[in-house]
C-alpha atoms as a PDB file:
ATOM      1  CA  MET A   1      -4.729  24.652   7.912  1.00  0.00           C
ATOM      2  CA  LYS A   2      -3.779  24.010   4.277  1.00  0.00           C
ATOM      3  CA  VAL A   3      -3.229  20.340   3.478  1.00  0.00           C
ATOM      4  CA  GLY A   4      -1.151  18.962   0.632  1.00  0.00           C
ATOM      5  CA  PHE A   5      -1.591  15.527  -0.886  1.00  0.00           C
ATOM      6  CA  ILE A   6       0.945  13.881  -3.214  1.00  0.00           C
ATOM      7  CA  GLY A   7       0.014  10.681  -5.059  1.00  0.00           C
ATOM      8  CA  LEU A   8      -3.486   9.990  -6.355  1.00  0.00           C
ATOM      9  CA  GLY A   9      -3.505   6.299  -7.185  1.00  0.00           C
ATOM     10  CA  LEU A  10      -6.346   4.114  -5.925  1.00  0.00           C
ATOM     11  CA  MET A  11      -5.561   4.741  -2.267  1.00  0.00           C
ATOM     12  CA  GLY A  12      -4.261   8.283  -2.540  1.00  0.00           C
ATOM     13  CA  TYR A  13      -7.319   9.406  -4.475  1.00  0.00           C
ATOM     14  CA  ALA A  14      -9.639   7.864  -1.888  1.00  0.00           C
ATOM     15  CA  MET A  15      -7.716   9.376   1.027  1.00  0.00           C
ATOM     16  CA  ALA A  16      -7.586  12.825  -0.545  1.00  0.00           C
ATOM     17  CA  SER A  17     -11.303  12.575  -1.304  1.00  0.00           C
ATOM     18  CA  ARG A  18     -11.985  11.801   2.340  1.00  0.00           C
ATOM     19  CA  LEU A  19     -10.096  14.868   3.528  1.00  0.00           C
ATOM     20  CA  ALA A  20     -11.686  17.137   0.916  1.00  0.00           C
ATOM     21  CA  SER A  21     -15.174  15.873   1.794  1.00  0.00           C
ATOM     22  CA  LYS A  22     -14.547  16.827   5.419  1.00  0.00           C
ATOM     23  CA  GLY A  23     -13.786  20.418   4.526  1.00  0.00           C
ATOM     24  CA  TYR A  24      -9.996  20.496   4.397  1.00  0.00           C
ATOM     25  CA  LYS A  25      -8.512  22.884   1.852  1.00  0.00           C
ATOM     26  CA  LEU A  26      -6.311  20.710  -0.329  1.00  0.00           C
ATOM     27  CA  ILE A  27      -3.567  21.288  -2.847  1.00  0.00           C
ATOM     28  CA  VAL A  28      -2.771  18.052  -4.692  1.00  0.00           C
ATOM     29  CA  TYR A  29      -0.141  16.678  -7.041  1.00  0.00           C
ATOM     30  CA  ASN A  30       0.005  13.549  -9.167  1.00  0.00           C
ATOM     31  CA  ARG A  31       2.498  12.584 -11.852  1.00  0.00           C
ATOM     32  CA  THR A  32      -0.458  11.947 -14.159  1.00  0.00           C
ATOM     33  CA  ARG A  33      -2.107  15.355 -13.954  1.00  0.00           C
ATOM     34  CA  ALA A  34      -5.465  14.054 -15.214  1.00  0.00           C
ATOM     35  CA  LYS A  35      -6.078  12.291 -11.902  1.00  0.00           C
ATOM     36  CA  ALA A  36      -5.531  15.506  -9.979  1.00  0.00           C
ATOM     37  CA  GLU A  37      -7.853  17.357 -12.344  1.00  0.00           C
ATOM     38  CA  SER A  38     -10.465  14.632 -11.878  1.00  0.00           C
ATOM     39  CA  LEU A  39     -10.352  15.176  -8.110  1.00  0.00           C
ATOM     40  CA  ALA A  40     -10.673  18.927  -8.671  1.00  0.00           C
ATOM     41  CA  LYS A  41     -13.912  18.300 -10.556  1.00  0.00           C
ATOM     42  CA  GLU A  42     -15.335  16.452  -7.547  1.00  0.00           C
ATOM     43  CA  PHE A  43     -14.090  18.792  -4.826  1.00  0.00           C
ATOM     44  CA  ASP A  44     -12.818  22.320  -4.403  1.00  0.00           C
ATOM     45  CA  VAL A  45      -9.122  21.413  -4.479  1.00  0.00           C
ATOM     46  CA  GLU A  46      -6.136  23.175  -6.029  1.00  0.00           C
ATOM     47  CA  VAL A  47      -3.958  21.288  -8.509  1.00  0.00           C
ATOM     48  CA  ALA A  48      -0.204  21.810  -8.180  1.00  0.00           C
ATOM     49  CA  SER A  49       2.289  21.510 -11.016  1.00  0.00           C
ATOM     50  CA  SER A  50       5.004  19.955  -8.828  1.00  0.00           C
ATOM     51  CA  PRO A  51       5.595  18.450  -5.356  1.00  0.00           C
ATOM     52  CA  LYS A  52       7.639  21.573  -4.566  1.00  0.00           C
ATOM     53  CA  GLU A  53       4.533  23.695  -5.104  1.00  0.00           C
ATOM     54  CA  VAL A  54       2.602  21.474  -2.719  1.00  0.00           C
ATOM     55  CA  GLY A  55       5.264  22.024  -0.075  1.00  0.00           C
ATOM     56  CA  LEU A  56       5.317  25.769  -0.546  1.00  0.00           C
ATOM     57  CA  HIS A  57       1.568  26.118  -0.059  1.00  0.00           C
ATOM     58  CA  SER A  58       0.840  23.533   2.654  1.00  0.00           C
ATOM     59  CA  ASP A  59       1.181  23.252   6.406  1.00  0.00           C
ATOM     60  CA  VAL A  60       0.826  19.479   6.381  1.00  0.00           C
ATOM     61  CA  VAL A  61       1.674  17.238   3.413  1.00  0.00           C
ATOM     62  CA  HIS A  62       0.432  13.658   3.003  1.00  0.00           C
ATOM     63  CA  ILE A  63       2.254  11.316   0.590  1.00  0.00           C
ATOM     64  CA  MET A  64       0.825   8.077  -0.826  1.00  0.00           C
ATOM     65  CA  VAL A  65       2.901   6.713  -3.716  1.00  0.00           C
ATOM     66  CA  SER A  66       3.652   3.242  -5.036  1.00  0.00           C
ATOM     67  CA  ASP A  67       7.226   2.489  -3.987  1.00  0.00           C
ATOM     68  CA  ASP A  68      10.655   3.690  -2.832  1.00  0.00           C
ATOM     69  CA  TYR A  69      11.566   5.103  -6.234  1.00  0.00           C
ATOM     70  CA  ALA A  70       8.356   7.116  -6.571  1.00  0.00           C
ATOM     71  CA  LEU A  71       8.829   8.496  -3.062  1.00  0.00           C
ATOM     72  CA  MET A  72      12.423   9.538  -3.695  1.00  0.00           C
ATOM     73  CA  ASP A  73      11.354  11.168  -6.959  1.00  0.00           C
ATOM     74  CA  VAL A  74       8.566  13.290  -5.456  1.00  0.00           C
ATOM     75  CA  VAL A  75      10.736  14.297  -2.493  1.00  0.00           C
ATOM     76  CA  LEU A  76      14.253  14.643  -3.923  1.00  0.00           C
ATOM     77  CA  SER A  77      13.917  15.737  -7.574  1.00  0.00           C
ATOM     78  CA  ASN A  78      14.646  19.313  -8.676  1.00  0.00           C
ATOM     79  CA  ASP A  79      10.955  20.153  -8.281  1.00  0.00           C
ATOM     80  CA  GLY A  80      10.650  17.808  -5.311  1.00  0.00           C
ATOM     81  CA  LEU A  81       8.840  18.384  -2.073  1.00  0.00           C
ATOM     82  CA  VAL A  82      11.974  19.048  -0.036  1.00  0.00           C
ATOM     83  CA  ASN A  83      12.611  22.217  -2.034  1.00  0.00           C
ATOM     84  CA  GLY A  84       9.265  23.613  -0.904  1.00  0.00           C
ATOM     85  CA  LEU A  85       9.647  22.866   2.799  1.00  0.00           C
ATOM     86  CA  ASN A  86      10.679  25.125   5.638  1.00  0.00           C
ATOM     87  CA  GLU A  87      10.558  25.227   9.424  1.00  0.00           C
ATOM     88  CA  GLY A  88       7.408  23.930  11.077  1.00  0.00           C
ATOM     89  CA  LYS A  89       5.909  21.945   8.188  1.00  0.00           C
ATOM     90  CA  ILE A  90       4.855  18.334   8.669  1.00  0.00           C
ATOM     91  CA  VAL A  91       5.263  15.538   6.123  1.00  0.00           C
ATOM     92  CA  ILE A  92       3.125  12.417   6.668  1.00  0.00           C
ATOM     93  CA  GLN A  93       4.361   9.441   4.669  1.00  0.00           C
ATOM     94  CA  HIS A  94       1.739   6.705   4.093  1.00  0.00           C
ATOM     95  CA  SER A  95       3.403   4.597   1.374  1.00  0.00           C
ATOM     96  CA  THR A  96       4.560   1.019   1.976  1.00  0.00           C
ATOM     97  CA  ILE A  97       8.323   1.361   1.581  1.00  0.00           C
ATOM     98  CA  THR A  98      11.546  -0.131   2.942  1.00  0.00           C
ATOM     99  CA  PRO A  99      12.762   1.029   6.359  1.00  0.00           C
ATOM    100  CA  MET A 100      16.066   2.053   4.766  1.00  0.00           C
ATOM    101  CA  THR A 101      14.364   4.484   2.374  1.00  0.00           C
ATOM    102  CA  SER A 102      12.160   5.841   5.140  1.00  0.00           C
ATOM    103  CA  LEU A 103      15.225   6.742   7.210  1.00  0.00           C
ATOM    104  CA  ARG A 104      16.821   8.460   4.234  1.00  0.00           C
ATOM    105  CA  ILE A 105      13.709  10.555   3.552  1.00  0.00           C
ATOM    106  CA  MET A 106      13.374  11.413   7.252  1.00  0.00           C
ATOM    107  CA  ASN A 107      16.921  12.774   7.327  1.00  0.00           C
ATOM    108  CA  VAL A 108      16.342  14.901   4.219  1.00  0.00           C
ATOM    109  CA  ILE A 109      13.128  16.352   5.630  1.00  0.00           C
ATOM    110  CA  LYS A 110      14.751  17.028   8.998  1.00  0.00           C
ATOM    111  CA  ALA A 111      17.525  18.891   7.199  1.00  0.00           C
ATOM    112  CA  ALA A 112      14.806  21.104   5.697  1.00  0.00           C
ATOM    113  CA  ARG A 113      13.698  21.910   9.285  1.00  0.00           C
ATOM    114  CA  SER A 114      10.421  20.058   8.826  1.00  0.00           C
ATOM    115  CA  THR A 115       8.929  17.089  10.666  1.00  0.00           C
ATOM    116  CA  TYR A 116       8.664  13.578   9.233  1.00  0.00           C
ATOM    117  CA  VAL A 117       5.905  11.213  10.335  1.00  0.00           C
ATOM    118  CA  GLU A 118       5.652   7.603   9.189  1.00  0.00           C
ATOM    119  CA  ALA A 119       2.005   6.588   8.845  1.00  0.00           C
ATOM    120  CA  PRO A 120       1.501   3.507   6.633  1.00  0.00           C
ATOM    121  CA  VAL A 121      -2.080   2.290   6.544  1.00  0.00           C
ATOM    122  CA  LEU A 122      -3.971  -0.992   6.537  1.00  0.00           C
ATOM    123  CA  GLY A 123      -7.176  -1.059   4.508  1.00  0.00           C
ATOM    124  CA  SER A 124      -8.324  -0.361   0.980  1.00  0.00           C
ATOM    125  CA  VAL A 125     -10.294   2.193  -1.009  1.00  0.00           C
ATOM    126  CA  SER A 126     -13.619   1.793   0.782  1.00  0.00           C
ATOM    127  CA  GLU A 127     -11.985   2.138   4.206  1.00  0.00           C
ATOM    128  CA  ALA A 128     -10.080   5.213   3.031  1.00  0.00           C
ATOM    129  CA  ARG A 129     -13.205   6.936   1.736  1.00  0.00           C
ATOM    130  CA  GLU A 130     -15.062   6.177   4.968  1.00  0.00           C
ATOM    131  CA  GLY A 131     -12.224   7.113   7.348  1.00  0.00           C
ATOM    132  CA  ARG A 132     -11.822   3.525   8.595  1.00  0.00           C
ATOM    133  CA  LEU A 133      -8.147   2.872   7.920  1.00  0.00           C
ATOM    134  CA  ILE A 134      -5.808   1.471  10.547  1.00  0.00           C
ATOM    135  CA  THR A 135      -2.777   3.758  10.690  1.00  0.00           C
ATOM    136  CA  TYR A 136       0.582   2.813  12.182  1.00  0.00           C
ATOM    137  CA  VAL A 137       2.582   5.850  13.305  1.00  0.00           C
ATOM    138  CA  SER A 138       6.294   6.287  13.939  1.00  0.00           C
ATOM    139  CA  GLY A 139       7.945   9.502  15.041  1.00  0.00           C
ATOM    140  CA  ASP A 140       6.862  11.745  17.886  1.00  0.00           C
ATOM    141  CA  LYS A 141       3.917  10.116  19.708  1.00  0.00           C
ATOM    142  CA  ASP A 142       2.040  13.440  19.732  1.00  0.00           C
ATOM    143  CA  TYR A 143       1.570  13.126  15.966  1.00  0.00           C
ATOM    144  CA  THR A 144      -0.847  10.245  16.466  1.00  0.00           C
ATOM    145  CA  LYS A 145      -3.319  13.023  17.297  1.00  0.00           C
ATOM    146  CA  LEU A 146      -2.897  14.991  14.068  1.00  0.00           C
ATOM    147  CA  PRO A 147      -6.424  15.811  12.850  1.00  0.00           C
ATOM    148  CA  THR A 148      -5.878  14.682   9.260  1.00  0.00           C
ATOM    149  CA  ILE A 149      -4.568  11.296  10.422  1.00  0.00           C
ATOM    150  CA  SER A 150      -7.546  10.940  12.749  1.00  0.00           C
ATOM    151  CA  GLU A 151      -9.924  11.838   9.906  1.00  0.00           C
ATOM    152  CA  LEU A 152      -8.613   8.951   7.820  1.00  0.00           C
ATOM    153  CA  SER A 153      -8.484   6.358  10.589  1.00  0.00           C
ATOM    154  CA  ARG A 154     -10.690   4.229  12.806  1.00  0.00           C
ATOM    155  CA  SER A 155      -7.584   3.277  14.771  1.00  0.00           C
ATOM    156  CA  VAL A 156      -4.183   4.958  15.138  1.00  0.00           C
ATOM    157  CA  ILE A 157      -1.438   2.800  16.639  1.00  0.00           C
ATOM    158  CA  TYR A 158       1.839   4.291  17.830  1.00  0.00           C
ATOM    159  CA  VAL A 159       4.789   2.026  17.027  1.00  0.00           C
ATOM    160  CA  GLY A 160       7.836   4.025  18.121  1.00  0.00           C
ATOM    161  CA  PRO A 161      10.684   5.851  16.374  1.00  0.00           C
ATOM    162  CA  VAL A 162      11.118   5.858  12.588  1.00  0.00           C
ATOM    163  CA  PRO A 163      11.364   3.395  10.775  1.00  0.00           C
ATOM    164  CA  LYS A 164       9.417   0.984  12.979  1.00  0.00           C
ATOM    165  CA  ALA A 165       6.086   1.658  11.263  1.00  0.00           C
ATOM    166  CA  SER A 166       7.543   0.864   7.836  1.00  0.00           C
ATOM    167  CA  ALA A 167       8.990  -2.406   9.135  1.00  0.00           C
ATOM    168  CA  LEU A 168       5.698  -3.310  10.810  1.00  0.00           C
ATOM    169  CA  LYS A 169       3.645  -2.660   7.691  1.00  0.00           C
ATOM    170  CA  LEU A 170       5.899  -4.817   5.506  1.00  0.00           C
ATOM    171  CA  ALA A 171       5.752  -7.605   8.096  1.00  0.00           C
ATOM    172  CA  ILE A 172       1.942  -7.528   8.143  1.00  0.00           C
ATOM    173  CA  ASN A 173       1.701  -7.532   4.355  1.00  0.00           C
ATOM    174  CA  ASN A 174       4.167 -10.413   4.180  1.00  0.00           C
ATOM    175  CA  ILE A 175       1.871 -12.597   6.302  1.00  0.00           C
ATOM    176  CA  PHE A 176      -1.270 -12.281   4.227  1.00  0.00           C
ATOM    177  CA  LEU A 177       0.503 -12.247   0.863  1.00  0.00           C
ATOM    178  CA  VAL A 178       2.445 -15.440   1.628  1.00  0.00           C
ATOM    179  CA  LEU A 179      -0.695 -17.053   3.071  1.00  0.00           C
ATOM    180  CA  VAL A 180      -2.639 -16.508  -0.155  1.00  0.00           C
ATOM    181  CA  THR A 181       0.293 -17.796  -2.202  1.00  0.00           C
ATOM    182  CA  SER A 182       0.291 -21.033  -0.207  1.00  0.00           C
ATOM    183  CA  ILE A 183      -3.399 -21.507  -0.976  1.00  0.00           C
ATOM    184  CA  ALA A 184      -2.722 -20.739  -4.649  1.00  0.00           C
ATOM    185  CA  GLU A 185       0.059 -23.319  -4.912  1.00  0.00           C
ATOM    186  CA  SER A 186      -2.182 -25.932  -3.305  1.00  0.00           C
ATOM    187  CA  LEU A 187      -4.816 -25.137  -5.921  1.00  0.00           C
ATOM    188  CA  ALA A 188      -2.254 -25.667  -8.675  1.00  0.00           C
ATOM    189  CA  LEU A 189      -1.457 -29.156  -7.360  1.00  0.00           C
ATOM    190  CA  VAL A 190      -5.031 -30.372  -6.914  1.00  0.00           C
ATOM    191  CA  SER A 191      -6.037 -28.839 -10.237  1.00  0.00           C
ATOM    192  CA  ALA A 192      -3.208 -30.692 -11.985  1.00  0.00           C
ATOM    193  CA  TYR A 193      -4.599 -33.938 -10.550  1.00  0.00           C
ATOM    194  CA  GLY A 194      -8.143 -33.231 -11.668  1.00  0.00           C
ATOM    195  CA  ILE A 195      -9.649 -31.998  -8.393  1.00  0.00           C
ATOM    196  CA  ASP A 196     -11.949 -29.014  -8.840  1.00  0.00           C
ATOM    197  CA  CYS A 197     -10.520 -25.939  -7.104  1.00  0.00           C
ATOM    198  CA  LYS A 198     -13.842 -24.889  -5.572  1.00  0.00           C
ATOM    199  CA  GLU A 199     -14.424 -28.400  -4.289  1.00  0.00           C
ATOM    200  CA  PHE A 200     -10.950 -28.470  -2.755  1.00  0.00           C
ATOM    201  CA  LEU A 201     -11.548 -25.189  -0.931  1.00  0.00           C
ATOM    202  CA  LYS A 202     -14.882 -26.502   0.341  1.00  0.00           C
ATOM    203  CA  ILE A 203     -13.154 -29.591   1.751  1.00  0.00           C
ATOM    204  CA  VAL A 204     -10.511 -27.442   3.474  1.00  0.00           C
ATOM    205  CA  ARG A 205     -13.205 -25.145   4.856  1.00  0.00           C
ATOM    206  CA  GLU A 206     -15.322 -27.986   6.226  1.00  0.00           C
ATOM    207  CA  THR A 207     -12.629 -30.316   7.570  1.00  0.00           C
ATOM    208  CA  THR A 208      -9.819 -28.115   8.936  1.00  0.00           C
ATOM    209  CA  TRP A 209      -9.276 -25.202  11.332  1.00  0.00           C
ATOM    210  CA  MET A 210      -8.817 -22.856   8.337  1.00  0.00           C
ATOM    211  CA  LYS A 211     -12.526 -22.171   7.822  1.00  0.00           C
ATOM    212  CA  SER A 212     -12.331 -18.399   8.349  1.00  0.00           C
ATOM    213  CA  ILE A 213      -9.350 -18.048   6.010  1.00  0.00           C
ATOM    214  CA  ILE A 214     -11.018 -19.998   3.201  1.00  0.00           C
ATOM    215  CA  GLU A 215     -14.286 -18.106   3.663  1.00  0.00           C
ATOM    216  CA  ARG A 216     -12.399 -14.838   3.246  1.00  0.00           C
ATOM    217  CA  TYR A 217     -10.709 -15.844   0.011  1.00  0.00           C
ATOM    218  CA  GLU A 218     -12.558 -18.635  -1.821  1.00  0.00           C
ATOM    219  CA  ASP A 219     -15.005 -16.516  -3.863  1.00  0.00           C
ATOM    220  CA  ARG A 220     -12.726 -13.494  -4.175  1.00  0.00           C
ATOM    221  CA  GLY A 221      -9.611 -15.409  -5.171  1.00  0.00           C
ATOM    222  CA  LEU A 222     -11.210 -17.484  -7.911  1.00  0.00           C
ATOM    223  CA  ASN A 223     -13.091 -14.561  -9.467  1.00  0.00           C
ATOM    224  CA  PRO A 224     -10.897 -12.609 -11.941  1.00  0.00           C
ATOM    225  CA  LYS A 225     -13.551  -9.878 -12.047  1.00  0.00           C
ATOM    226  CA  PHE A 226     -13.459  -9.236  -8.314  1.00  0.00           C
ATOM    227  CA  PRO A 227     -13.001  -5.468  -7.707  1.00  0.00           C
ATOM    228  CA  THR A 228      -9.359  -4.737  -6.960  1.00  0.00           C
ATOM    229  CA  ARG A 229      -8.631  -3.828  -3.346  1.00  0.00           C
ATOM    230  CA  PHE A 230      -4.877  -4.337  -3.585  1.00  0.00           C
ATOM    231  CA  LYS A 231      -3.118  -4.718  -6.928  1.00  0.00           C
ATOM    232  CA  LEU A 232      -1.426  -8.028  -7.599  1.00  0.00           C
ATOM    233  CA  GLY A 233       1.548  -6.156  -9.048  1.00  0.00           C
ATOM    234  CA  LEU A 234       2.081  -4.380  -5.733  1.00  0.00           C
ATOM    235  CA  ALA A 235       2.216  -7.752  -3.984  1.00  0.00           C
ATOM    236  CA  VAL A 236       5.448  -8.460  -5.883  1.00  0.00           C
ATOM    237  CA  LYS A 237       6.890  -5.141  -4.733  1.00  0.00           C
ATOM    238  CA  ASP A 238       5.890  -5.510  -1.086  1.00  0.00           C
ATOM    239  CA  LEU A 239       7.252  -9.039  -0.787  1.00  0.00           C
ATOM    240  CA  ARG A 240      10.545  -8.042  -2.372  1.00  0.00           C
ATOM    241  CA  TYR A 241      10.779  -5.006  -0.104  1.00  0.00           C
ATOM    242  CA  PHE A 242      10.174  -7.263   2.902  1.00  0.00           C
ATOM    243  CA  ALA A 243      12.877  -9.632   1.668  1.00  0.00           C
ATOM    244  CA  ASN A 244      15.289  -6.751   1.010  1.00  0.00           C
ATOM    245  CA  ALA A 245      14.726  -5.403   4.512  1.00  0.00           C
ATOM    246  CA  LEU A 246      15.519  -8.806   6.036  1.00  0.00           C
ATOM    247  CA  GLN A 247      18.528  -9.391   3.806  1.00  0.00           C
ATOM    248  CA  TYR A 248      19.860  -5.921   4.665  1.00  0.00           C
ATOM    249  CA  LEU A 249      20.089  -7.220   8.238  1.00  0.00           C
ATOM    250  CA  GLY A 250      21.747 -10.456   7.118  1.00  0.00           C
ATOM    251  CA  ILE A 251      18.630 -12.599   7.689  1.00  0.00           C
ATOM    252  CA  PRO A 252      17.463 -15.000   4.950  1.00  0.00           C
ATOM    253  CA  ALA A 253      14.097 -14.315   3.305  1.00  0.00           C
ATOM    254  CA  ASN A 254      13.415 -17.475   1.329  1.00  0.00           C
ATOM    255  CA  THR A 255       9.644 -17.655   1.860  1.00  0.00           C
ATOM    256  CA  SER A 256       8.912 -14.059   0.896  1.00  0.00           C
ATOM    257  CA  MET A 257      11.155 -14.193  -2.177  1.00  0.00           C
ATOM    258  CA  GLY A 258       9.537 -17.441  -3.294  1.00  0.00           C
ATOM    259  CA  ALA A 259       6.071 -15.952  -2.894  1.00  0.00           C
ATOM    260  CA  SER A 260       7.073 -12.826  -4.818  1.00  0.00           C
ATOM    261  CA  ASN A 261       8.188 -15.015  -7.719  1.00  0.00           C
ATOM    262  CA  VAL A 262       4.766 -16.701  -7.840  1.00  0.00           C
ATOM    263  CA  TYR A 263       3.002 -13.331  -8.033  1.00  0.00           C
ATOM    264  CA  ALA A 264       5.524 -12.227 -10.660  1.00  0.00           C
ATOM    265  CA  LEU A 265       4.407 -15.097 -12.921  1.00  0.00           C
ATOM    266  CA  ALA A 266       0.862 -13.770 -12.831  1.00  0.00           C
ATOM    267  CA  VAL A 267       2.069 -10.224 -13.510  1.00  0.00           C
ATOM    268  CA  LYS A 268       3.972 -11.491 -16.552  1.00  0.00           C
ATOM    269  CA  ASP A 269       0.711 -13.018 -17.834  1.00  0.00           C
ATOM    270  CA  GLY A 270      -1.209  -9.749 -17.498  1.00  0.00           C
ATOM    271  CA  LEU A 271      -2.761  -9.848 -14.022  1.00  0.00           C
ATOM    272  CA  SER A 272      -0.842  -6.900 -12.542  1.00  0.00           C
ATOM    273  CA  LEU A 273      -3.989  -4.807 -12.008  1.00  0.00           C
ATOM    274  CA  ASN A 274      -6.109  -7.669 -10.658  1.00  0.00           C
ATOM    275  CA  ASP A 275      -6.739  -8.095  -6.957  1.00  0.00           C
ATOM    276  CA  TYR A 276      -3.828  -9.897  -5.296  1.00  0.00           C
ATOM    277  CA  SER A 277      -6.110 -12.772  -4.298  1.00  0.00           C
ATOM    278  CA  ASN A 278      -6.476 -13.653  -7.985  1.00  0.00           C
ATOM    279  CA  ILE A 279      -3.164 -15.479  -7.681  1.00  0.00           C
ATOM    280  CA  MET A 280      -5.497 -18.327  -6.650  1.00  0.00           C
ATOM    281  CA  TYR A 281      -7.378 -18.122  -9.965  1.00  0.00           C
ATOM    282  CA  TYR A 282      -4.100 -17.963 -11.859  1.00  0.00           C
ATOM    283  CA  MET A 283      -2.522 -20.975 -10.177  1.00  0.00           C
ATOM    284  CA  CYS A 284      -5.706 -23.039 -10.440  1.00  0.00           C
ATOM    285  CA  LYS A 285      -5.741 -22.332 -14.163  1.00  0.00           C
ATOM    286  CA  LEU A 286      -2.021 -23.078 -14.421  1.00  0.00           C
ATOM    287  CA  GLY A 287      -2.471 -26.463 -12.762  1.00  0.00           C
ATOM    288  CA  LYS A 288      -5.024 -27.517 -15.376  1.00  0.00           C
ATOM    289  CA  LYS A 289      -2.354 -27.222 -18.061  1.00  0.00           C
ATOM    290  CA  PHE A 290      -0.429 -30.090 -16.458  1.00  0.00           C
ATOM    291  CA  ARG A 291      -3.253 -32.620 -16.212  1.00  0.00           C
ATOM    292  CA  GLY A 292      -2.358 -36.031 -17.571  1.00  0.00           C
END
């Protein structure tokens, strides 16, 4: 079986590396060709010049790109994946995108007589490299047993028809991203009133039921040099996608939009590539500016 992989950012590179290390014959594409060539230096993989080429020479194609627009570009452009598909091929879409876009891409791939599988993942680079991702699958239930999905995952959870997996993934991301924002805003307030941020987190940890949450984030969130597991800039995108998905249904999304605006402040000040938890560092620092 020949496997294609489109999108070699932090997660895509790690996932493709995992598959290559397990002996799969890969053909890969990335908009920045240097990343694909870097992977080819590590493993015996073929570098494609377009997503269409990946489709032409693969039985199964995995996609891991940053957002709706990147997905539509690699699938629908003149040299897009859809132009290299034919009957019997399988496209596995891992990106965190809106349910609306997922349905659109599914219909295009179905029209090309290929199969579309939603498979967004929970986890970061280390989990991807070690095959310990949690993968949420929508589409035909039989595709939970696809060998390449199994190779990447410690757990594969079937959700139902497309686009349920996309909706589920956005909902999960919304919870932890909003949670960290609430901690960050609390840090801004106590910092503005002269309370040390580390001391505040210690008090919360020792005197409330939130001990496990604070333990997870207190060192990571206040350390701007913490290795990035999930880019702060992508937090803005995911929260806005969650809000868009709710608003598309006519449901208000005030909390998620508010949280996205907080992350956007940090992006504006240069923290886009930092770990998302560094919103705590940013807001603690911001609070100090307002001390009397």
